[in-house]
Amino acid sequence: MPFANVPVAHYETLQDKLAQLKDARDALNVLRDEHREKRRREQEELERLRQIQMAQKLEVLRQKKQVTAQHTHTHEFSDQLLSADLCFSSFTCSE
């Protein structure tokens, strides 16, 4: 028996060190999990903000499109009125 001469206290010390290592590893794993969760929440928040920005930009573009369409419609209507007025003026002037 090669281990017969080793005092029991030595084995107990090794057991204590192993328990400390296990506790340290468990604590490190908990910290890793917490960090991973924190990063996931941060990424979700960034994505949420990006979605809000995109929705705001989309709304601005819709408003610009609406204003442009109204302006185009008004301009076309104005051109029709001017054209009709010119036709009417030339009709009355030729008489």
Protein backbone atom coordinates (compact mmCIF):
# COMPACT_ATOMS: atom_id res chain seq x y z
CA MET A 1 0.00 0.00 0.00
CA PRO A 2 1.80 3.06 -1.23
CA PHE A 3 -0.60 5.54 0.42
CA ALA A 4 -0.51 4.03 3.87
CA ASN A 5 2.15 6.46 5.09
CA VAL A 6 0.25 9.61 3.97
CA PRO A 7 -1.49 11.30 6.90
CA VAL A 8 -5.25 11.68 6.77
CA ALA A 9 -4.90 15.45 7.22
CA HIS A 10 -3.17 15.66 3.83
CA TYR A 11 -6.17 14.02 2.13
CA GLU A 12 -8.53 16.30 3.99
CA THR A 13 -6.54 19.32 2.78
CA LEU A 14 -6.75 18.07 -0.78
CA GLN A 15 -10.50 17.51 -0.38
CA ASP A 16 -10.86 21.09 0.90
CA LYS A 17 -8.90 22.44 -2.06
CA LEU A 18 -11.04 20.44 -4.48
CA ALA A 19 -14.19 21.79 -2.82
CA GLN A 20 -12.82 25.35 -3.12
CA LEU A 21 -12.04 24.79 -6.80
CA LYS A 22 -15.54 23.47 -7.40
CA ASP A 23 -17.08 26.45 -5.60
CA ALA A 24 -14.89 28.85 -7.58
CA ARG A 25 -15.85 27.14 -10.86
CA ASP A 26 -19.55 27.29 -9.93
CA ALA A 27 -19.25 30.99 -9.05
CA LEU A 28 -17.48 31.67 -12.34
CA ASN A 29 -20.20 29.84 -14.25
CA VAL A 30 -22.85 31.94 -12.51
CA LEU A 31 -20.98 35.12 -13.47
CA ARG A 32 -20.71 33.93 -17.06
CA ASP A 33 -24.43 33.20 -17.17
CA GLU A 34 -25.25 36.61 -15.71
CA HIS A 35 -22.98 38.33 -18.23
CA ARG A 36 -24.50 36.35 -21.11
CA GLU A 37 -28.00 37.33 -19.94
CA LYS A 38 -26.99 40.98 -19.60
CA ARG A 39 -25.60 41.01 -23.15
CA ARG A 40 -28.77 39.35 -24.45
CA ARG A 41 -30.94 42.02 -22.78
CA GLU A 42 -28.71 44.77 -24.18
CA GLN A 43 -29.01 43.31 -27.68
CA GLU A 44 -32.79 43.11 -27.30
CA GLU A 45 -32.90 46.76 -26.22
CA LEU A 46 -30.74 47.81 -29.17
CA GLU A 47 -33.03 45.89 -31.52
CA ARG A 48 -36.09 47.51 -29.95
CA LEU A 49 -34.56 50.97 -30.41
CA ARG A 50 -33.63 50.14 -34.00
CA GLN A 51 -37.22 49.08 -34.69
CA ILE A 52 -38.51 52.34 -33.19
CA GLN A 53 -36.10 54.36 -35.34
CA MET A 54 -37.16 52.48 -38.45
CA ALA A 55 -40.83 53.06 -37.65
CA GLN A 56 -40.17 56.79 -37.16
CA LYS A 57 -38.25 57.03 -40.44
CA LEU A 58 -41.04 55.17 -42.20
CA GLU A 59 -43.62 57.58 -40.80
CA VAL A 60 -41.55 60.57 -41.96
CA LEU A 61 -41.26 59.06 -45.44
CA ARG A 62 -45.02 58.43 -45.54
CA GLN A 63 -45.70 62.03 -44.56
CA LYS A 64 -43.28 63.30 -47.22
CA LYS A 65 -44.94 61.06 -49.79
CA GLN A 66 -48.36 62.37 -48.79
CA VAL A 67 -47.22 65.99 -49.01
CA THR A 68 -45.59 65.34 -52.38
CA ALA A 69 -48.73 63.64 -53.67
CA GLN A 70 -50.89 66.52 -52.46
CA HIS A 71 -48.52 69.03 -54.04
CA THR A 72 -48.52 67.10 -57.30
CA HIS A 73 -52.30 66.85 -57.26
CA THR A 74 -52.63 70.57 -56.50
CA HIS A 75 -50.14 71.41 -59.24
CA GLU A 76 -52.01 69.23 -61.77
CA PHE A 77 -55.31 70.81 -60.75
CA SER A 78 -53.77 74.27 -61.07
CA ASP A 79 -52.45 73.37 -64.52
CA GLN A 80 -55.91 72.18 -65.53
CA LEU A 81 -57.47 75.40 -64.31
CA LEU A 82 -54.86 77.46 -66.11
CA SER A 83 -55.35 75.43 -69.26
CA ALA A 84 -59.12 75.77 -69.01
CA ASP A 85 -58.75 79.50 -68.36
CA LEU A 86 -56.49 79.88 -71.39
CA CYS A 87 -58.95 77.97 -73.54
CA PHE A 88 -61.79 80.09 -72.24
CA SER A 89 -59.78 83.29 -72.78
CA SER A 90 -58.84 82.34 -76.30
CA PHE A 91 -62.45 81.39 -77.00
CA THR A 92 -63.76 84.70 -75.78
CA CYS A 93 -60.96 86.63 -77.43
CA SER A 94 -61.61 85.09 -80.83
CA GLU A 95 -65.19 86.20 -80.91
